[in-house]
């Protein structure tokens, strides 16, 4: 069914900026405070209260725009978006409309179907959040919490560039990564610091004009983005194949039933009567201000991935895993700088380190220098790989120097030929039949002897050295 149809999706993402206070007042923007405790005359919209823009929020917004390759305009205008809703005490929201902060950016992501695809960022503007209506606090009543009112947001609007729900999800994960890397937002969908509205339409394969679009709202996780868009796409195809027409409307997604339903209110269709906010002058940014934000941007994920592949000779897949999180990428580089070989360090970070971090809130528990030492002990033959894993777990749990920990655990490999010769003689003495068979040409028995030496030494013998000593003894 979906084969004859092409899906067209555009996304609008609202991202909460990582500031301590709100966009136009000094109230705390922290999540989780008791209802209506982080409010003041400005965010409550009381008469005569005047808004003052938050400089930190503007810095982060400009940084986000630059990170997404947008043109930041030296002059942008705050506008009032007028609508009446219980969680909007002023009766309007301060946003930007005709003259946004930034336009014409792009973000490349890995499409499951098309390889590297690029989404256009049509605009990125600054606005304040509205409050929250809570329908589950009191029976048959709606409660209003205005703590979120005035929290600083950027809205990132893409072109109609995605061709499947999966692509939309991949783009969002890529966007989240860029914003987290640059310290612009914590992008936590659970806390509402990243919210997505999607425009969806379908058209017959090969057509160039866009179909009638609907807007899907109320999506609160990355997995649900894909589900909601799939449900809405299939609904539109079914309507069209049944001879009907798609109505332009706002749909709400319900994750419990995995379905969409029209939002009854008409508030989307009327004109918001945007006009420049008379309380706020145009926002004028100097070239120096914009340039300074550019210098404060860290190396972003795509660039870091390329560099890891080039500098450390890693595969693209490994580089993607290591750069997924900025802290992990920095940790990996620190391990290499402390002297570990790049590929071995990558293997350790991608296995032991990430598994340990997954199970413990305090994250990367073994210092990069300690891990580099541990890798060195394996390379020098002091520890087997298995023993090193035990030492790693112990250092993660209790700290300490890897070498001392290894000695305390009794897992240091014995690389003293004299001591090894003793174990070898013992093994050859107790397995005379196998020795004869070996000397008659059954050379694959060598591995059996190595195993016996490891057993006799309770795993402490250096297997490579044990093999050398065995070969010498058996040849005599």
Foldseek 3Di string as FASTA:
>chain_A
DCVQKWKWKKKKKKFFFPDQAFFFDRFGLDFDDPFQPRDDCVLLQPPPDFGDGDPVLVLLLLLLCVLQVWDFDLWFFWKWQAADDVQRNNRTWTWGDPGFGTAWGKDWFQDPPPGIDIWTFGGKHKTADTWDWDCPPDPPDIDIGGSRRRRIIIMTITDRGDGALRVVLRVVLQSCQQSVQQNTHPCQLVRPSMFMKMWMFMDGPPDDDTAQIEIEGDQRDSVLSRLLRVQVHVVQVVQVVVVHGDDHFYWYADPVVSHIDGDPDPRVPDGSPMDGDPSDDINGHDPVSSVVSVVSGDQGLVNQLVCCCVVQVDDSVLSCQQSSHPVSVVLLVLLVVLPARNVVSSVCCNPLQVVVQVVDVVHRQAHSNLVNVLNVCCVVLQAPPVLSSVLVVVCSVPNDRSVVSSVVVPGTADLDLVVLLVLLVVLCVVPVVVLVVCLVPPVVCLVVSLVSSCVSVVNRHRSVNSSVSNVVVSVD
